[in-house]
Amino acid sequence: MNAMLVDDERLARAELRRLLRAHADVAVIGEACNVDEAIALANRELVDLLFLDIHMPDGSGFDVLARLDRVPAVVFTTAYDQHAVRAFEVNALDYLMKPIAPERLAEAIARAKAIVARSAQPRIDRVFVRDGERCWLVAVDEIRLLEADGNYARVYFGGNRPLILRSLQALEARLDPARFFRVSRSHIVNLHAVDRLETDVDGGLVAVLRGGPSVKVSRRQSRRLRDELSL
């Protein structure tokens, strides 16, 4: 499992690297000390597990995640107390307080192994989404709809629909075509989220998604969608 360390403090990176020596199946393939360096390295290398500091002089760990082509399993590392990161606990694989305890590191690595084992490269299996102060690491399976919004894409999951700083075309190339289907120029639906197909007043198809919304299907894609859903 390939790991990358991002922290502006050299001693913090050195200590984490030392602790990781106890885990023979984790290979540290790179380190970064700032946001731009982290983005360049993570987009260039195949990273399975990212140890990511939250606060850095030129930005935050969340700035890094927002600009990655692919979001690996993420473990936040922070010197701040638990309350400062509690709001992000559900978005990351784990978070570790500095100084990092070896047993907590082992727990985080065990979680990462389970996720990496399920990953199918080069398909993305999670995306980082940020909407103001709210952040999510969303499993792709939980996304029911992606909708073009200018040069970006709006992501529908649960009761949320924030923007992601990627175009619909860029996302489509990384999604599993067995699950995600382009119903029109502006929409990609998760086939597992389609509740039913209806006919609109023009005789065209409308895909009704569980949890909403309903999406009009282009005439060109209507037959293909019926075939995909075996209708």
C-alpha atoms as a PDB file:
ATOM      1  CA  MET A   1       0.000   0.000   0.000  1.00  0.00           C
ATOM      2  CA  ASN A   2       1.533   3.300  -1.136  1.00  0.00           C
ATOM      3  CA  ALA A   3       1.413   6.123   1.408  1.00  0.00           C
ATOM      4  CA  MET A   4       2.148   9.826   1.128  1.00  0.00           C
ATOM      5  CA  LEU A   5       2.894  12.210   4.007  1.00  0.00           C
ATOM      6  CA  VAL A   6       1.812  15.840   3.886  1.00  0.00           C
ATOM      7  CA  ASP A   7       2.870  18.089   6.751  1.00  0.00           C
ATOM      8  CA  ASP A   8       4.646  21.429   6.861  1.00  0.00           C
ATOM      9  CA  GLU A   9       6.689  20.281   9.870  1.00  0.00           C
ATOM     10  CA  ARG A  10       9.731  18.200   8.912  1.00  0.00           C
ATOM     11  CA  LEU A  11       9.969  16.605  12.360  1.00  0.00           C
ATOM     12  CA  ALA A  12       6.323  15.537  12.215  1.00  0.00           C
ATOM     13  CA  ARG A  13       6.909  13.832   8.864  1.00  0.00           C
ATOM     14  CA  ALA A  14      10.048  12.144  10.188  1.00  0.00           C
ATOM     15  CA  GLU A  15       8.212  10.813  13.237  1.00  0.00           C
ATOM     16  CA  LEU A  16       5.336   9.461  11.163  1.00  0.00           C
ATOM     17  CA  ARG A  17       7.757   7.811   8.759  1.00  0.00           C
ATOM     18  CA  ARG A  18       9.486   6.193  11.753  1.00  0.00           C
ATOM     19  CA  LEU A  19       6.187   4.839  13.071  1.00  0.00           C
ATOM     20  CA  LEU A  20       5.265   3.481   9.651  1.00  0.00           C
ATOM     21  CA  ARG A  21       8.396   1.308   9.606  1.00  0.00           C
ATOM     22  CA  ALA A  22       6.498  -1.086  11.864  1.00  0.00           C
ATOM     23  CA  HIS A  23       4.077  -1.695   8.987  1.00  0.00           C
ATOM     24  CA  ALA A  24       5.984  -3.584   6.318  1.00  0.00           C
ATOM     25  CA  ASP A  25       3.085  -3.488   3.854  1.00  0.00           C
ATOM     26  CA  VAL A  26       3.004   0.335   3.827  1.00  0.00           C
ATOM     27  CA  ALA A  27       5.515   2.029   1.527  1.00  0.00           C
ATOM     28  CA  VAL A  28       6.052   5.785   1.870  1.00  0.00           C
ATOM     29  CA  ILE A  29       6.448   6.943  -1.725  1.00  0.00           C
ATOM     30  CA  GLY A  30       6.657  10.670  -1.096  1.00  0.00           C
ATOM     31  CA  GLU A  31       6.423  13.636   1.237  1.00  0.00           C
ATOM     32  CA  ALA A  32       5.171  17.181   0.789  1.00  0.00           C
ATOM     33  CA  CYS A  33       5.424  20.240   3.008  1.00  0.00           C
ATOM     34  CA  ASN A  34       2.855  22.520   1.396  1.00  0.00           C
ATOM     35  CA  VAL A  35      -0.379  22.493  -0.568  1.00  0.00           C
ATOM     36  CA  ASP A  36       0.986  22.926  -4.096  1.00  0.00           C
ATOM     37  CA  GLU A  37       3.704  20.337  -3.591  1.00  0.00           C
ATOM     38  CA  ALA A  38       1.176  17.870  -2.186  1.00  0.00           C
ATOM     39  CA  ILE A  39      -1.203  18.298  -5.127  1.00  0.00           C
ATOM     40  CA  ALA A  40       1.551  17.866  -7.714  1.00  0.00           C
ATOM     41  CA  LEU A  41       2.914  14.728  -6.063  1.00  0.00           C
ATOM     42  CA  ALA A  42      -0.460  13.107  -5.366  1.00  0.00           C
ATOM     43  CA  ASN A  43      -1.651  13.678  -8.934  1.00  0.00           C
ATOM     44  CA  ARG A  44       1.579  12.251 -10.319  1.00  0.00           C
ATOM     45  CA  GLU A  45       1.920   9.142  -8.153  1.00  0.00           C
ATOM     46  CA  LEU A  46      -0.475   6.290  -7.398  1.00  0.00           C
ATOM     47  CA  VAL A  47      -1.261   6.982  -3.741  1.00  0.00           C
ATOM     48  CA  ASP A  48      -3.412   4.566  -1.754  1.00  0.00           C
ATOM     49  CA  LEU A  49      -3.214   6.275   1.641  1.00  0.00           C
ATOM     50  CA  LEU A  50      -2.722   9.986   2.301  1.00  0.00           C
ATOM     51  CA  PHE A  51      -1.637  11.218   5.730  1.00  0.00           C
ATOM     52  CA  LEU A  52      -2.725  14.841   5.579  1.00  0.00           C
ATOM     53  CA  ASP A  53      -2.095  17.713   7.965  1.00  0.00           C
ATOM     54  CA  ILE A  54      -5.051  20.068   8.282  1.00  0.00           C
ATOM     55  CA  HIS A  55      -3.327  23.413   8.870  1.00  0.00           C
ATOM     56  CA  MET A  56      -0.434  24.535   6.657  1.00  0.00           C
ATOM     57  CA  PRO A  57       0.966  28.016   6.015  1.00  0.00           C
ATOM     58  CA  ASP A  58      -0.261  28.186   2.411  1.00  0.00           C
ATOM     59  CA  GLY A  59      -3.652  26.566   2.921  1.00  0.00           C
ATOM     60  CA  SER A  60      -5.302  23.511   4.391  1.00  0.00           C
ATOM     61  CA  GLY A  61      -5.558  19.807   3.830  1.00  0.00           C
ATOM     62  CA  PHE A  62      -9.014  20.446   2.428  1.00  0.00           C
ATOM     63  CA  ASP A  63      -7.487  22.661  -0.270  1.00  0.00           C
ATOM     64  CA  VAL A  64      -5.347  19.698  -1.270  1.00  0.00           C
ATOM     65  CA  LEU A  65      -8.316  17.321  -1.490  1.00  0.00           C
ATOM     66  CA  ALA A  66     -10.371  19.738  -3.555  1.00  0.00           C
ATOM     67  CA  ARG A  67      -7.735  19.776  -6.316  1.00  0.00           C
ATOM     68  CA  LEU A  68      -6.808  16.101  -6.543  1.00  0.00           C
ATOM     69  CA  ASP A  69      -7.631  14.145  -9.678  1.00  0.00           C
ATOM     70  CA  ARG A  70      -8.304  11.117  -7.495  1.00  0.00           C
ATOM     71  CA  VAL A  71      -8.906  11.101  -3.734  1.00  0.00           C
ATOM     72  CA  PRO A  72      -7.193   8.193  -1.973  1.00  0.00           C
ATOM     73  CA  ALA A  73      -7.984   6.957   1.524  1.00  0.00           C
ATOM     74  CA  VAL A  74      -7.331   9.961   3.780  1.00  0.00           C
ATOM     75  CA  VAL A  75      -6.133  10.084   7.373  1.00  0.00           C
ATOM     76  CA  PHE A  76      -5.990  13.575   8.816  1.00  0.00           C
ATOM     77  CA  THR A  77      -3.163  14.359  11.220  1.00  0.00           C
ATOM     78  CA  THR A  78      -3.514  17.367  13.503  1.00  0.00           C
ATOM     79  CA  ALA A  79      -2.087  18.993  16.595  1.00  0.00           C
ATOM     80  CA  TYR A  80      -5.481  20.516  17.420  1.00  0.00           C
ATOM     81  CA  ASP A  81      -7.898  19.030  19.903  1.00  0.00           C
ATOM     82  CA  GLN A  82     -10.615  16.574  18.949  1.00  0.00           C
ATOM     83  CA  HIS A  83     -13.353  19.204  18.859  1.00  0.00           C
ATOM     84  CA  ALA A  84     -11.567  21.091  16.063  1.00  0.00           C
ATOM     85  CA  VAL A  85     -11.806  18.121  13.716  1.00  0.00           C
ATOM     86  CA  ARG A  86     -14.986  16.424  14.921  1.00  0.00           C
ATOM     87  CA  ALA A  87     -16.994  18.066  12.109  1.00  0.00           C
ATOM     88  CA  PHE A  88     -14.793  16.269   9.575  1.00  0.00           C
ATOM     89  CA  GLU A  89     -14.664  12.887  11.277  1.00  0.00           C
ATOM     90  CA  VAL A  90     -17.246  11.265   9.015  1.00  0.00           C
ATOM     91  CA  ASN A  91     -15.565  12.580   5.876  1.00  0.00           C
ATOM     92  CA  ALA A  92     -12.143  11.022   6.332  1.00  0.00           C
ATOM     93  CA  LEU A  93     -11.052   7.478   6.940  1.00  0.00           C
ATOM     94  CA  ASP A  94      -9.652   8.528  10.327  1.00  0.00           C
ATOM     95  CA  TYR A  95      -7.839  11.333  12.082  1.00  0.00           C
ATOM     96  CA  LEU A  96      -4.817  11.112  14.324  1.00  0.00           C
ATOM     97  CA  MET A  97      -3.847  13.529  17.048  1.00  0.00           C
ATOM     98  CA  LYS A  98      -0.205  14.524  17.368  1.00  0.00           C
ATOM     99  CA  PRO A  99       1.860  13.049  18.881  1.00  0.00           C
ATOM    100  CA  ILE A 100       0.530  10.010  17.020  1.00  0.00           C
ATOM    101  CA  ALA A 101       0.004   6.905  19.126  1.00  0.00           C
ATOM    102  CA  PRO A 102       1.242   3.684  17.463  1.00  0.00           C
ATOM    103  CA  GLU A 103      -1.982   1.832  18.273  1.00  0.00           C
ATOM    104  CA  ARG A 104      -4.123   4.545  16.673  1.00  0.00           C
ATOM    105  CA  LEU A 105      -1.899   4.472  13.604  1.00  0.00           C
ATOM    106  CA  ALA A 106      -2.394   0.717  13.371  1.00  0.00           C
ATOM    107  CA  GLU A 107      -6.176   1.162  13.501  1.00  0.00           C
ATOM    108  CA  ALA A 108      -6.094   3.719  10.700  1.00  0.00           C
ATOM    109  CA  ILE A 109      -3.925   1.491   8.523  1.00  0.00           C
ATOM    110  CA  ALA A 110      -6.269  -1.453   9.068  1.00  0.00           C
ATOM    111  CA  ARG A 111      -9.192   0.666   7.854  1.00  0.00           C
ATOM    112  CA  ALA A 112      -7.178   1.821   4.855  1.00  0.00           C
ATOM    113  CA  LYS A 113      -6.312  -1.757   3.887  1.00  0.00           C
ATOM    114  CA  ALA A 114      -9.992  -2.673   3.806  1.00  0.00           C
ATOM    115  CA  ILE A 115     -10.802   0.262   1.529  1.00  0.00           C
ATOM    116  CA  VAL A 116      -7.830  -0.223  -0.791  1.00  0.00           C
ATOM    117  CA  ALA A 117      -8.703  -3.892  -1.181  1.00  0.00           C
ATOM    118  CA  ARG A 118     -12.132  -2.886  -2.512  1.00  0.00           C
ATOM    119  CA  SER A 119     -10.805  -0.222  -4.851  1.00  0.00           C
ATOM    120  CA  ALA A 120     -10.819  -0.889  -8.578  1.00  0.00           C
ATOM    121  CA  GLN A 121      -8.153   1.250 -10.204  1.00  0.00           C
ATOM    122  CA  PRO A 122      -8.174   3.426 -12.134  1.00  0.00           C
ATOM    123  CA  ARG A 123     -11.859   4.031 -11.329  1.00  0.00           C
ATOM    124  CA  ILE A 124     -12.495   6.510  -8.563  1.00  0.00           C
ATOM    125  CA  ASP A 125     -14.324   5.141  -5.537  1.00  0.00           C
ATOM    126  CA  ARG A 126     -14.694   8.374  -3.582  1.00  0.00           C
ATOM    127  CA  VAL A 127     -14.701  12.092  -4.269  1.00  0.00           C
ATOM    128  CA  PHE A 128     -13.992  15.092  -2.070  1.00  0.00           C
ATOM    129  CA  VAL A 129     -16.794  17.659  -2.053  1.00  0.00           C
ATOM    130  CA  ARG A 130     -16.667  21.062  -0.388  1.00  0.00           C
ATOM    131  CA  ASP A 131     -19.509  23.551   0.023  1.00  0.00           C
ATOM    132  CA  GLY A 132     -18.398  26.552   2.044  1.00  0.00           C
ATOM    133  CA  GLU A 133     -17.421  25.259   5.477  1.00  0.00           C
ATOM    134  CA  ARG A 134     -18.990  21.842   4.904  1.00  0.00           C
ATOM    135  CA  CYS A 135     -16.866  19.001   3.564  1.00  0.00           C
ATOM    136  CA  TRP A 136     -17.550  15.430   2.566  1.00  0.00           C
ATOM    137  CA  LEU A 137     -15.591  12.436   1.338  1.00  0.00           C
ATOM    138  CA  VAL A 138     -18.377  10.740  -0.576  1.00  0.00           C
ATOM    139  CA  ALA A 139     -18.358   7.109  -1.665  1.00  0.00           C
ATOM    140  CA  VAL A 140     -19.160   7.085  -5.374  1.00  0.00           C
ATOM    141  CA  ASP A 141     -21.831   4.440  -4.800  1.00  0.00           C
ATOM    142  CA  GLU A 142     -23.766   6.978  -2.693  1.00  0.00           C
ATOM    143  CA  ILE A 143     -23.983   9.468  -5.573  1.00  0.00           C
ATOM    144  CA  ARG A 144     -27.274   9.179  -7.454  1.00  0.00           C
ATOM    145  CA  LEU A 145     -26.801  12.018  -9.946  1.00  0.00           C
ATOM    146  CA  LEU A 146     -24.109  14.260 -11.402  1.00  0.00           C
ATOM    147  CA  GLU A 147     -25.332  17.402 -13.141  1.00  0.00           C
ATOM    148  CA  ALA A 148     -23.338  19.824 -15.283  1.00  0.00           C
ATOM    149  CA  ASP A 149     -23.233  23.335 -13.838  1.00  0.00           C
ATOM    150  CA  GLY A 150     -21.075  25.513 -16.067  1.00  0.00           C
ATOM    151  CA  ASN A 151     -17.548  24.114 -16.030  1.00  0.00           C
ATOM    152  CA  TYR A 152     -18.230  22.167 -12.844  1.00  0.00           C
ATOM    153  CA  ALA A 153     -20.540  19.368 -11.740  1.00  0.00           C
ATOM    154  CA  ARG A 154     -23.230  19.294  -9.063  1.00  0.00           C
ATOM    155  CA  VAL A 155     -23.238  16.098  -7.036  1.00  0.00           C
ATOM    156  CA  TYR A 156     -26.460  14.668  -5.575  1.00  0.00           C
ATOM    157  CA  PHE A 157     -26.090  12.413  -2.529  1.00  0.00           C
ATOM    158  CA  GLY A 158     -28.335  12.117   0.497  1.00  0.00           C
ATOM    159  CA  GLY A 159     -30.010  15.495   0.958  1.00  0.00           C
ATOM    160  CA  ASN A 160     -27.002  17.377  -0.438  1.00  0.00           C
ATOM    161  CA  ARG A 161     -26.113  18.700  -3.891  1.00  0.00           C
ATOM    162  CA  PRO A 162     -22.894  20.735  -3.702  1.00  0.00           C
ATOM    163  CA  LEU A 163     -20.561  21.589  -6.569  1.00  0.00           C
ATOM    164  CA  ILE A 164     -17.358  19.694  -7.290  1.00  0.00           C
ATOM    165  CA  LEU A 165     -14.521  21.449  -9.112  1.00  0.00           C
ATOM    166  CA  ARG A 166     -14.434  18.941 -11.967  1.00  0.00           C
ATOM    167  CA  SER A 167     -16.263  18.926 -15.274  1.00  0.00           C
ATOM    168  CA  LEU A 168     -18.882  16.297 -16.000  1.00  0.00           C
ATOM    169  CA  GLN A 169     -16.699  14.979 -18.822  1.00  0.00           C
ATOM    170  CA  ALA A 170     -13.671  14.554 -16.546  1.00  0.00           C
ATOM    171  CA  LEU A 171     -15.726  12.685 -13.963  1.00  0.00           C
ATOM    172  CA  GLU A 172     -17.393  10.443 -16.529  1.00  0.00           C
ATOM    173  CA  ALA A 173     -14.016   9.142 -17.699  1.00  0.00           C
ATOM    174  CA  ARG A 174     -13.245   7.921 -14.184  1.00  0.00           C
ATOM    175  CA  LEU A 175     -16.633   6.410 -13.266  1.00  0.00           C
ATOM    176  CA  ASP A 176     -17.637   2.778 -13.630  1.00  0.00           C
ATOM    177  CA  PRO A 177     -19.737   2.580 -16.832  1.00  0.00           C
ATOM    178  CA  ALA A 178     -21.539  -0.468 -15.463  1.00  0.00           C
ATOM    179  CA  ARG A 179     -23.043   1.762 -12.762  1.00  0.00           C
ATOM    180  CA  PHE A 180     -23.127   5.317 -14.145  1.00  0.00           C
ATOM    181  CA  PHE A 181     -24.983   6.203 -17.329  1.00  0.00           C
ATOM    182  CA  ARG A 182     -24.943   9.461 -19.327  1.00  0.00           C
ATOM    183  CA  VAL A 183     -28.651  10.173 -19.896  1.00  0.00           C
ATOM    184  CA  SER A 184     -28.068  13.555 -21.517  1.00  0.00           C
ATOM    185  CA  ARG A 185     -25.410  16.150 -22.173  1.00  0.00           C
ATOM    186  CA  SER A 186     -25.952  17.555 -18.695  1.00  0.00           C
ATOM    187  CA  HIS A 187     -26.681  14.507 -16.547  1.00  0.00           C
ATOM    188  CA  ILE A 188     -25.127  11.229 -15.445  1.00  0.00           C
ATOM    189  CA  VAL A 189     -27.262   8.933 -13.293  1.00  0.00           C
ATOM    190  CA  ASN A 190     -26.376   6.076 -11.003  1.00  0.00           C
ATOM    191  CA  LEU A 191     -28.327   3.160 -12.506  1.00  0.00           C
ATOM    192  CA  HIS A 192     -28.756   1.646  -9.045  1.00  0.00           C
ATOM    193  CA  ALA A 193     -30.584   4.820  -7.982  1.00  0.00           C
ATOM    194  CA  VAL A 194     -33.165   4.749 -10.793  1.00  0.00           C
ATOM    195  CA  ASP A 195     -36.554   3.943  -9.279  1.00  0.00           C
ATOM    196  CA  ARG A 196     -38.502   3.900 -12.560  1.00  0.00           C
ATOM    197  CA  LEU A 197     -38.774   5.360 -16.040  1.00  0.00           C
ATOM    198  CA  GLU A 198     -41.756   7.483 -17.009  1.00  0.00           C
ATOM    199  CA  THR A 199     -42.943   8.981 -20.302  1.00  0.00           C
ATOM    200  CA  ASP A 200     -43.237  12.756 -20.501  1.00  0.00           C
ATOM    201  CA  VAL A 201     -45.769  14.751 -22.547  1.00  0.00           C
ATOM    202  CA  ASP A 202     -43.422  14.746 -25.559  1.00  0.00           C
ATOM    203  CA  GLY A 203     -43.128  10.978 -25.520  1.00  0.00           C
ATOM    204  CA  GLY A 204     -39.599  11.074 -24.170  1.00  0.00           C
ATOM    205  CA  LEU A 205     -38.287   9.235 -21.106  1.00  0.00           C
ATOM    206  CA  VAL A 206     -37.819  10.622 -17.631  1.00  0.00           C
ATOM    207  CA  ALA A 207     -35.636   8.775 -15.120  1.00  0.00           C
ATOM    208  CA  VAL A 208     -37.106   9.058 -11.627  1.00  0.00           C
ATOM    209  CA  LEU A 209     -34.378   8.669  -9.027  1.00  0.00           C
ATOM    210  CA  ARG A 210     -34.909   7.397  -5.503  1.00  0.00           C
ATOM    211  CA  GLY A 211     -34.550  10.486  -3.323  1.00  0.00           C
ATOM    212  CA  GLY A 212     -35.044  12.726  -6.393  1.00  0.00           C
ATOM    213  CA  PRO A 213     -34.839  14.436  -8.705  1.00  0.00           C
ATOM    214  CA  SER A 214     -36.357  13.313 -11.991  1.00  0.00           C
ATOM    215  CA  VAL A 215     -34.118  13.679 -15.037  1.00  0.00           C
ATOM    216  CA  LYS A 216     -35.123  13.906 -18.682  1.00  0.00           C
ATOM    217  CA  VAL A 217     -33.378  11.348 -20.906  1.00  0.00           C
ATOM    218  CA  SER A 218     -32.265  12.392 -24.371  1.00  0.00           C
ATOM    219  CA  ARG A 219     -33.933  10.566 -27.249  1.00  0.00           C
ATOM    220  CA  ARG A 220     -30.569   9.226 -28.344  1.00  0.00           C
ATOM    221  CA  GLN A 221     -29.938   7.656 -24.949  1.00  0.00           C
ATOM    222  CA  SER A 222     -33.474   6.414 -24.240  1.00  0.00           C
ATOM    223  CA  ARG A 223     -33.129   3.053 -25.976  1.00  0.00           C
ATOM    224  CA  ARG A 224     -29.709   2.448 -24.447  1.00  0.00           C
ATOM    225  CA  LEU A 225     -31.061   3.227 -20.997  1.00  0.00           C
ATOM    226  CA  ARG A 226     -33.925   0.778 -21.426  1.00  0.00           C
ATOM    227  CA  ASP A 227     -31.387  -1.842 -22.448  1.00  0.00           C
ATOM    228  CA  GLU A 228     -29.188  -1.081 -19.445  1.00  0.00           C
ATOM    229  CA  LEU A 229     -32.154  -1.446 -17.104  1.00  0.00           C
ATOM    230  CA  SER A 230     -33.491  -4.449 -19.053  1.00  0.00           C
ATOM    231  CA  LEU A 231     -36.837  -2.762 -19.667  1.00  0.00           C
END
